[in-house]
C-alpha atoms as a PDB file:
ATOM      1  CA  MET A   1     -35.964  18.961   8.311  1.00  0.00           C
ATOM      2  CA  GLU A   2     -33.040  17.110   6.720  1.00  0.00           C
ATOM      3  CA  GLU A   3     -31.154  14.983   9.214  1.00  0.00           C
ATOM      4  CA  ALA A   4     -27.693  16.204  10.136  1.00  0.00           C
ATOM      5  CA  GLY A   5     -26.525  12.671  10.829  1.00  0.00           C
ATOM      6  CA  GLY A   6     -24.204  11.349  13.492  1.00  0.00           C
ATOM      7  CA  THR A   7     -24.546   9.429  16.742  1.00  0.00           C
ATOM      8  CA  ILE A   8     -23.781  11.243  19.990  1.00  0.00           C
ATOM      9  CA  LEU A   9     -23.160   9.854  23.484  1.00  0.00           C
ATOM     10  CA  ILE A  10     -24.175  12.285  26.241  1.00  0.00           C
ATOM     11  CA  VAL A  11     -22.477  11.610  29.591  1.00  0.00           C
ATOM     12  CA  ASP A  12     -23.635  13.551  32.663  1.00  0.00           C
ATOM     13  CA  ASP A  13     -24.663  12.555  36.178  1.00  0.00           C
ATOM     14  CA  GLU A  14     -27.551  15.078  36.136  1.00  0.00           C
ATOM     15  CA  GLY A  15     -30.610  13.625  34.441  1.00  0.00           C
ATOM     16  CA  SER A  16     -32.083  17.035  33.595  1.00  0.00           C
ATOM     17  CA  ILE A  17     -28.952  18.030  31.643  1.00  0.00           C
ATOM     18  CA  ARG A  18     -28.949  14.724  29.777  1.00  0.00           C
ATOM     19  CA  ASP A  19     -32.578  15.245  28.803  1.00  0.00           C
ATOM     20  CA  ILE A  20     -32.104  18.864  27.669  1.00  0.00           C
ATOM     21  CA  LEU A  21     -29.076  18.047  25.530  1.00  0.00           C
ATOM     22  CA  CYS A  22     -30.667  14.912  24.103  1.00  0.00           C
ATOM     23  CA  ARG A  23     -33.914  16.667  23.064  1.00  0.00           C
ATOM     24  CA  LYS A  24     -32.075  19.578  21.452  1.00  0.00           C
ATOM     25  CA  LEU A  25     -29.680  17.424  19.478  1.00  0.00           C
ATOM     26  CA  GLN A  26     -32.419  15.039  18.388  1.00  0.00           C
ATOM     27  CA  SER A  27     -34.331  18.035  17.045  1.00  0.00           C
ATOM     28  CA  GLU A  28     -31.234  18.837  14.983  1.00  0.00           C
ATOM     29  CA  GLY A  29     -31.269  15.372  13.428  1.00  0.00           C
ATOM     30  CA  TYR A  30     -28.742  13.524  15.610  1.00  0.00           C
ATOM     31  CA  ASP A  31     -29.152  10.120  17.232  1.00  0.00           C
ATOM     32  CA  CYS A  32     -28.467  10.361  20.962  1.00  0.00           C
ATOM     33  CA  VAL A  33     -27.542   7.826  23.644  1.00  0.00           C
ATOM     34  CA  VAL A  34     -27.155   8.813  27.314  1.00  0.00           C
ATOM     35  CA  ALA A  35     -24.940   7.589  30.170  1.00  0.00           C
ATOM     36  CA  ALA A  36     -25.172   8.643  33.831  1.00  0.00           C
ATOM     37  CA  ASN A  37     -21.517   8.095  34.793  1.00  0.00           C
ATOM     38  CA  GLY A  38     -18.047   7.361  33.462  1.00  0.00           C
ATOM     39  CA  LYS A  39     -18.271   3.597  33.868  1.00  0.00           C
ATOM     40  CA  GLU A  40     -21.527   3.439  31.908  1.00  0.00           C
ATOM     41  CA  ALA A  41     -20.012   5.690  29.247  1.00  0.00           C
ATOM     42  CA  LEU A  42     -17.056   3.353  28.730  1.00  0.00           C
ATOM     43  CA  TRP A  43     -19.347   0.350  28.502  1.00  0.00           C
ATOM     44  CA  LYS A  44     -21.647   1.971  25.936  1.00  0.00           C
ATOM     45  CA  ALA A  45     -18.668   3.187  23.907  1.00  0.00           C
ATOM     46  CA  PHE A  46     -17.379  -0.383  23.942  1.00  0.00           C
ATOM     47  CA  MET A  47     -20.712  -1.735  22.715  1.00  0.00           C
ATOM     48  CA  GLN A  48     -21.362   0.922  20.061  1.00  0.00           C
ATOM     49  CA  ASP A  49     -19.378   3.328  17.891  1.00  0.00           C
ATOM     50  CA  PHE A  50     -20.096   7.021  18.424  1.00  0.00           C
ATOM     51  CA  ASP A  51     -19.211   9.987  16.258  1.00  0.00           C
ATOM     52  CA  LEU A  52     -19.173  12.379  19.214  1.00  0.00           C
ATOM     53  CA  VAL A  53     -19.149  12.223  23.018  1.00  0.00           C
ATOM     54  CA  LEU A  54     -20.392  15.098  25.188  1.00  0.00           C
ATOM     55  CA  MET A  55     -19.006  14.371  28.666  1.00  0.00           C
ATOM     56  CA  ASP A  56     -19.171  16.193  31.987  1.00  0.00           C
ATOM     57  CA  ILE A  57     -15.820  16.769  33.673  1.00  0.00           C
ATOM     58  CA  LYS A  58     -17.008  16.273  37.270  1.00  0.00           C
ATOM     59  CA  MET A  59     -19.007  13.106  37.966  1.00  0.00           C
ATOM     60  CA  PRO A  60     -19.209  10.685  40.899  1.00  0.00           C
ATOM     61  CA  GLY A  61     -17.026   7.612  40.523  1.00  0.00           C
ATOM     62  CA  LEU A  62     -14.992   7.938  37.339  1.00  0.00           C
ATOM     63  CA  SER A  63     -14.708  11.615  36.452  1.00  0.00           C
ATOM     64  CA  GLY A  64     -14.690  12.898  32.900  1.00  0.00           C
ATOM     65  CA  MET A  65     -10.954  13.577  33.174  1.00  0.00           C
ATOM     66  CA  GLU A  66     -10.390   9.929  34.142  1.00  0.00           C
ATOM     67  CA  VAL A  67     -12.555   8.592  31.329  1.00  0.00           C
ATOM     68  CA  LEU A  68     -11.110  10.920  28.661  1.00  0.00           C
ATOM     69  CA  PRO A  69      -7.664   9.274  28.164  1.00  0.00           C
ATOM     70  CA  LYS A  70      -9.223   5.822  27.764  1.00  0.00           C
ATOM     71  CA  MET A  71     -11.880   7.170  25.414  1.00  0.00           C
ATOM     72  CA  VAL A  72      -9.227   8.861  23.271  1.00  0.00           C
ATOM     73  CA  THR A  73      -7.017   5.749  23.218  1.00  0.00           C
ATOM     74  CA  ASP A  74      -9.714   3.119  22.656  1.00  0.00           C
ATOM     75  CA  HIS A  75     -11.863   5.194  20.280  1.00  0.00           C
ATOM     76  CA  PRO A  76      -9.514   7.485  18.326  1.00  0.00           C
ATOM     77  CA  ASP A  77     -12.158   8.180  15.666  1.00  0.00           C
ATOM     78  CA  THR A  78     -14.619   9.532  18.241  1.00  0.00           C
ATOM     79  CA  CYS A  79     -14.585  13.272  18.896  1.00  0.00           C
ATOM     80  CA  VAL A  80     -14.938  14.347  22.557  1.00  0.00           C
ATOM     81  CA  VAL A  81     -16.348  17.652  23.828  1.00  0.00           C
ATOM     82  CA  MET A  82     -16.174  18.245  27.587  1.00  0.00           C
ATOM     83  CA  LEU A  83     -18.977  19.826  29.651  1.00  0.00           C
ATOM     84  CA  THR A  84     -17.833  22.064  32.488  1.00  0.00           C
ATOM     85  CA  ALA A  85     -18.846  24.811  34.889  1.00  0.00           C
ATOM     86  CA  VAL A  86     -17.304  28.237  34.418  1.00  0.00           C
ATOM     87  CA  ALA A  87     -15.048  27.634  37.426  1.00  0.00           C
ATOM     88  CA  ASP A  88     -13.537  24.551  35.754  1.00  0.00           C
ATOM     89  CA  ILE A  89     -12.425  26.194  32.495  1.00  0.00           C
ATOM     90  CA  GLU A  90      -8.766  25.621  33.370  1.00  0.00           C
ATOM     91  CA  THR A  91      -9.494  21.912  33.738  1.00  0.00           C
ATOM     92  CA  ALA A  92     -11.364  21.955  30.425  1.00  0.00           C
ATOM     93  CA  VAL A  93      -8.315  23.450  28.709  1.00  0.00           C
ATOM     94  CA  GLU A  94      -6.199  20.717  30.260  1.00  0.00           C
ATOM     95  CA  ALA A  95      -8.670  18.174  28.870  1.00  0.00           C
ATOM     96  CA  MET A  96      -8.059  19.552  25.374  1.00  0.00           C
ATOM     97  CA  LYS A  97      -4.356  18.886  25.842  1.00  0.00           C
ATOM     98  CA  VAL A  98      -5.199  15.275  26.703  1.00  0.00           C
ATOM     99  CA  GLY A  99      -7.263  14.851  23.535  1.00  0.00           C
ATOM    100  CA  ALA A 100     -10.659  16.537  23.844  1.00  0.00           C
ATOM    101  CA  TYR A 101     -11.678  18.587  20.799  1.00  0.00           C
ATOM    102  CA  ASP A 102     -13.445  21.399  22.675  1.00  0.00           C
ATOM    103  CA  TYR A 103     -15.501  22.209  25.768  1.00  0.00           C
ATOM    104  CA  LEU A 104     -18.897  23.724  26.619  1.00  0.00           C
ATOM    105  CA  THR A 105     -19.640  25.736  29.745  1.00  0.00           C
ATOM    106  CA  LYS A 106     -22.772  25.433  31.876  1.00  0.00           C
ATOM    107  CA  PRO A 107     -25.404  26.789  31.628  1.00  0.00           C
ATOM    108  CA  PHE A 108     -25.455  25.956  27.931  1.00  0.00           C
ATOM    109  CA  ASN A 109     -26.213  28.325  25.100  1.00  0.00           C
ATOM    110  CA  MET A 110     -28.088  26.052  22.713  1.00  0.00           C
ATOM    111  CA  ASP A 111     -26.896  27.837  19.590  1.00  0.00           C
ATOM    112  CA  ASP A 112     -23.330  27.503  20.838  1.00  0.00           C
ATOM    113  CA  LEU A 113     -23.991  23.824  21.571  1.00  0.00           C
ATOM    114  CA  VAL A 114     -25.218  23.112  18.038  1.00  0.00           C
ATOM    115  CA  MET A 115     -22.361  25.089  16.476  1.00  0.00           C
ATOM    116  CA  LYS A 116     -19.669  23.248  18.439  1.00  0.00           C
ATOM    117  CA  VAL A 117     -21.254  19.878  17.732  1.00  0.00           C
ATOM    118  CA  GLU A 118     -21.307  20.671  14.009  1.00  0.00           C
ATOM    119  CA  ARG A 119     -17.682  21.820  14.083  1.00  0.00           C
ATOM    120  CA  ALA A 120     -16.560  18.752  15.998  1.00  0.00           C
ATOM    121  CA  LEU A 121     -18.291  16.397  13.582  1.00  0.00           C
ATOM    122  CA  GLU A 122     -16.958  18.307  10.574  1.00  0.00           C
ATOM    123  CA  ARG A 123     -13.427  18.021  11.938  1.00  0.00           C
ATOM    124  CA  ARG A 124     -13.940  14.298  12.482  1.00  0.00           C
ATOM    125  CA  ARG A 125     -15.198  13.920   8.922  1.00  0.00           C
ATOM    126  CA  LEU A 126     -12.153  15.740   7.522  1.00  0.00           C
ATOM    127  CA  VAL A 127      -9.760  13.648   9.608  1.00  0.00           C
ATOM    128  CA  LEU A 128     -11.357  10.422   8.392  1.00  0.00           C
ATOM    129  CA  GLU A 129     -11.375  11.596   4.765  1.00  0.00           C
ATOM    130  CA  ASN A 130      -7.715  12.575   5.004  1.00  0.00           C
ATOM    131  CA  ARG A 131      -6.849   9.207   6.507  1.00  0.00           C
ATOM    132  CA  GLU A 132      -8.739   7.435   3.727  1.00  0.00           C
ATOM    133  CA  TYR A 133      -6.952   9.567   1.125  1.00  0.00           C
ATOM    134  CA  GLN A 134      -3.572   8.752   2.652  1.00  0.00           C
ATOM    135  CA  LEU A 135      -4.441   5.059   2.656  1.00  0.00           C
ATOM    136  CA  ARG A 136      -5.475   5.133  -1.016  1.00  0.00           C
ATOM    137  CA  LEU A 137      -2.311   7.075  -1.862  1.00  0.00           C
ATOM    138  CA  GLU A 138      -0.112   4.541  -0.062  1.00  0.00           C
ATOM    139  CA  GLN A 139      -1.892   1.684  -1.831  1.00  0.00           C
ATOM    140  CA  ARG A 140      -1.407   3.407  -5.192  1.00  0.00           C
ATOM    141  CA  VAL A 141       2.302   3.996  -4.540  1.00  0.00           C
ATOM    142  CA  GLU A 142       2.721   0.388  -3.424  1.00  0.00           C
ATOM    143  CA  ARG A 143       0.911  -0.865  -6.535  1.00  0.00           C
ATOM    144  CA  GLN A 144       3.095   1.275  -8.815  1.00  0.00           C
ATOM    145  CA  ALA A 145       6.219   0.080  -7.005  1.00  0.00           C
ATOM    146  CA  ARG A 146       5.180  -3.534  -7.613  1.00  0.00           C
ATOM    147  CA  GLN A 147       4.559  -2.774 -11.295  1.00  0.00           C
ATOM    148  CA  ILE A 148       7.984  -1.144 -11.649  1.00  0.00           C
ATOM    149  CA  GLN A 149       9.630  -4.066  -9.870  1.00  0.00           C
ATOM    150  CA  GLN A 150       7.819  -6.513 -12.138  1.00  0.00           C
ATOM    151  CA  TYR A 151       8.896  -4.535 -15.222  1.00  0.00           C
ATOM    152  CA  HIS A 152      12.544  -4.570 -14.138  1.00  0.00           C
ATOM    153  CA  SER A 153      12.298  -8.263 -13.303  1.00  0.00           C
ATOM    154  CA  GLU A 154      10.864  -9.072 -16.731  1.00  0.00           C
ATOM    155  CA  ALA A 155      13.511  -6.904 -18.428  1.00  0.00           C
ATOM    156  CA  ALA A 156      16.266  -8.660 -16.481  1.00  0.00           C
ATOM    157  CA  GLU A 157      14.870 -12.068 -17.403  1.00  0.00           C
ATOM    158  CA  ALA A 158      14.724 -11.052 -21.082  1.00  0.00           C
ATOM    159  CA  LEU A 159      18.349  -9.895 -20.921  1.00  0.00           C
ATOM    160  CA  VAL A 160      19.434 -13.182 -19.355  1.00  0.00           C
ATOM    161  CA  ARG A 161      17.598 -15.134 -22.057  1.00  0.00           C
ATOM    162  CA  GLU A 162      19.216 -13.017 -24.771  1.00  0.00           C
ATOM    163  CA  GLN A 163      22.681 -13.511 -23.302  1.00  0.00           C
ATOM    164  CA  ALA A 164      22.085 -17.264 -23.037  1.00  0.00           C
ATOM    165  CA  ALA A 165      20.989 -17.400 -26.682  1.00  0.00           C
ATOM    166  CA  LEU A 166      24.083 -15.471 -27.778  1.00  0.00           C
ATOM    167  CA  ALA A 167      26.312 -17.778 -25.744  1.00  0.00           C
ATOM    168  CA  GLU A 168      24.659 -20.823 -27.300  1.00  0.00           C
ATOM    169  CA  LEU A 169      25.089 -19.330 -30.782  1.00  0.00           C
ATOM    170  CA  GLU A 170      28.769 -18.636 -30.118  1.00  0.00           C
ATOM    171  CA  ALA A 171      29.276 -22.168 -28.805  1.00  0.00           C
ATOM    172  CA  THR A 172      27.636 -23.593 -31.932  1.00  0.00           C
ATOM    173  CA  ARG A 173      29.849 -21.461 -34.183  1.00  0.00           C
ATOM    174  CA  ARG A 174      32.981 -22.585 -32.389  1.00  0.00           C
ATOM    175  CA  SER A 175      31.869 -26.213 -32.495  1.00  0.00           C
ATOM    176  CA  ARG A 176      31.328 -26.064 -36.256  1.00  0.00           C
ATOM    177  CA  LYS A 177      34.684 -24.382 -36.799  1.00  0.00           C
ATOM    178  CA  GLY A 178      36.391 -27.028 -34.681  1.00  0.00           C
ATOM    179  CA  PHE A 179      34.643 -29.818 -36.568  1.00  0.00           C
ATOM    180  CA  ALA A 180      35.749 -28.383 -39.925  1.00  0.00           C
ATOM    181  CA  ARG A 181      39.346 -28.157 -38.697  1.00  0.00           C
ATOM    182  CA  LYS A 182      39.228 -31.721 -37.399  1.00  0.00           C
ATOM    183  CA  LEU A 183      37.780 -32.995 -40.669  1.00  0.00           C
ATOM    184  CA  SER A 184      40.504 -31.245 -42.655  1.00  0.00           C
ATOM    185  CA  GLN A 185      43.163 -32.826 -40.475  1.00  0.00           C
ATOM    186  CA  ILE A 186      41.670 -36.288 -40.921  1.00  0.00           C
ATOM    187  CA  LEU A 187      41.510 -35.887 -44.692  1.00  0.00           C
ATOM    188  CA  GLY A 188      45.058 -34.528 -44.742  1.00  0.00           C
ATOM    189  CA  VAL A 189      44.199 -31.422 -46.700  1.00  0.00           C
ATOM    190  CA  GLY A 190      45.255 -28.833 -44.163  1.00  0.00           C
ATOM    191  CA  THR A 191      43.079 -26.357 -42.416  1.00  0.00           C
ATOM    192  CA  PRO A 192      40.229 -24.426 -44.010  1.00  0.00           C
ATOM    193  CA  ASP A 193      41.142 -21.133 -45.636  1.00  0.00           C
ATOM    194  CA  SER A 194      40.331 -17.809 -44.089  1.00  0.00           C
ATOM    195  CA  SER A 195      36.874 -17.768 -45.602  1.00  0.00           C
ATOM    196  CA  GLY A 196      36.058 -21.059 -43.847  1.00  0.00           C
ATOM    197  CA  GLU A 197      34.038 -22.175 -46.891  1.00  0.00           C
ATOM    198  CA  ARG A 198      36.381 -24.732 -48.481  1.00  0.00           C
ATOM    199  CA  SER A 199      35.605 -28.305 -47.490  1.00  0.00           C
ATOM    200  CA  GLY A 200      37.756 -31.399 -47.467  1.00  0.00           C
ATOM    201  CA  ALA A 201      35.894 -32.720 -50.506  1.00  0.00           C
ATOM    202  CA  ALA A 202      36.790 -29.581 -52.459  1.00  0.00           C
ATOM    203  CA  HIS A 203      40.456 -30.139 -51.688  1.00  0.00           C
ATOM    204  CA  ILE A 204      40.219 -33.750 -52.864  1.00  0.00           C
ATOM    205  CA  GLN A 205      38.570 -32.778 -56.123  1.00  0.00           C
ATOM    206  CA  THR A 206      41.171 -30.079 -56.767  1.00  0.00           C
ATOM    207  CA  GLY A 207      44.022 -32.518 -56.125  1.00  0.00           C
ATOM    208  CA  ALA A 208      42.539 -35.119 -58.449  1.00  0.00           C
ATOM    209  CA  ALA A 209      42.111 -32.648 -61.270  1.00  0.00           C
ATOM    210  CA  SER A 210      45.728 -31.485 -61.034  1.00  0.00           C
ATOM    211  CA  GLY A 211      47.157 -35.015 -60.927  1.00  0.00           C
ATOM    212  CA  GLU A 212      48.707 -34.636 -57.531  1.00  0.00           C
ATOM    213  CA  PRO A 213      50.232 -37.857 -56.187  1.00  0.00           C
ATOM    214  CA  GLY A 214      48.355 -39.720 -53.529  1.00  0.00           C
ATOM    215  CA  VAL A 215      45.014 -38.758 -54.984  1.00  0.00           C
ATOM    216  CA  ASN A 216      43.063 -41.368 -56.924  1.00  0.00           C
ATOM    217  CA  PRO A 217      41.841 -40.173 -60.323  1.00  0.00           C
ATOM    218  CA  PRO A 218      38.206 -40.544 -61.232  1.00  0.00           C
ATOM    219  CA  MET A 219      37.029 -43.927 -62.500  1.00  0.00           C
ATOM    220  CA  GLY A 220      37.499 -44.527 -66.226  1.00  0.00           C
ATOM    221  CA  THR A 221      40.434 -42.139 -66.679  1.00  0.00           C
ATOM    222  CA  GLU A 222      43.297 -44.620 -66.113  1.00  0.00           C
ATOM    223  CA  GLU A 223      45.649 -45.223 -69.066  1.00  0.00           C
ATOM    224  CA  ALA A 224      45.542 -48.638 -70.603  1.00  0.00           C
END
């Protein structure tokens, strides 16, 4: 048969129960590891990642209820199903409040066992997929935010460059206008007209042609 997949840690102080559960789940395609008490369970969970833990509530030494909070805290991606006698159902419900996914009552109905294991692993798969989706979504949003920030930064830099170029152009225009005014003053021909196109040389040539005093006529035109 096709393997269901998944690694399960079975924790129970009764060897016969460990063997029964292990054989059944292995026949369903799961990999199984067993632990005889809470301390051994914590050690094996530390050494290896498990998809699911089946754990008895009442065990010598560390009970299942004592192990559960640490298992939930240290291995949040591991699903936990508690094993309990009918008389301990109230405790099993309390275990679900602490973080267990579900519970199974002894003696076990094997069909019920397989169904609850499948449901627990399916829930774990959905939780992990949702977490991965959220992570990809956050990364996508962050990437888009960086792109938008870069776009605005580039646009701002382009605007600054444009403003600097306009300022430089305006400074050049004013410098040329000031130079023309200064040149006109030096040549004694007044300021440029409103069009700004007349030069000092043009004024000199105009004065010479009209015979204005103080302007030397062209060479070769003096009267004998």
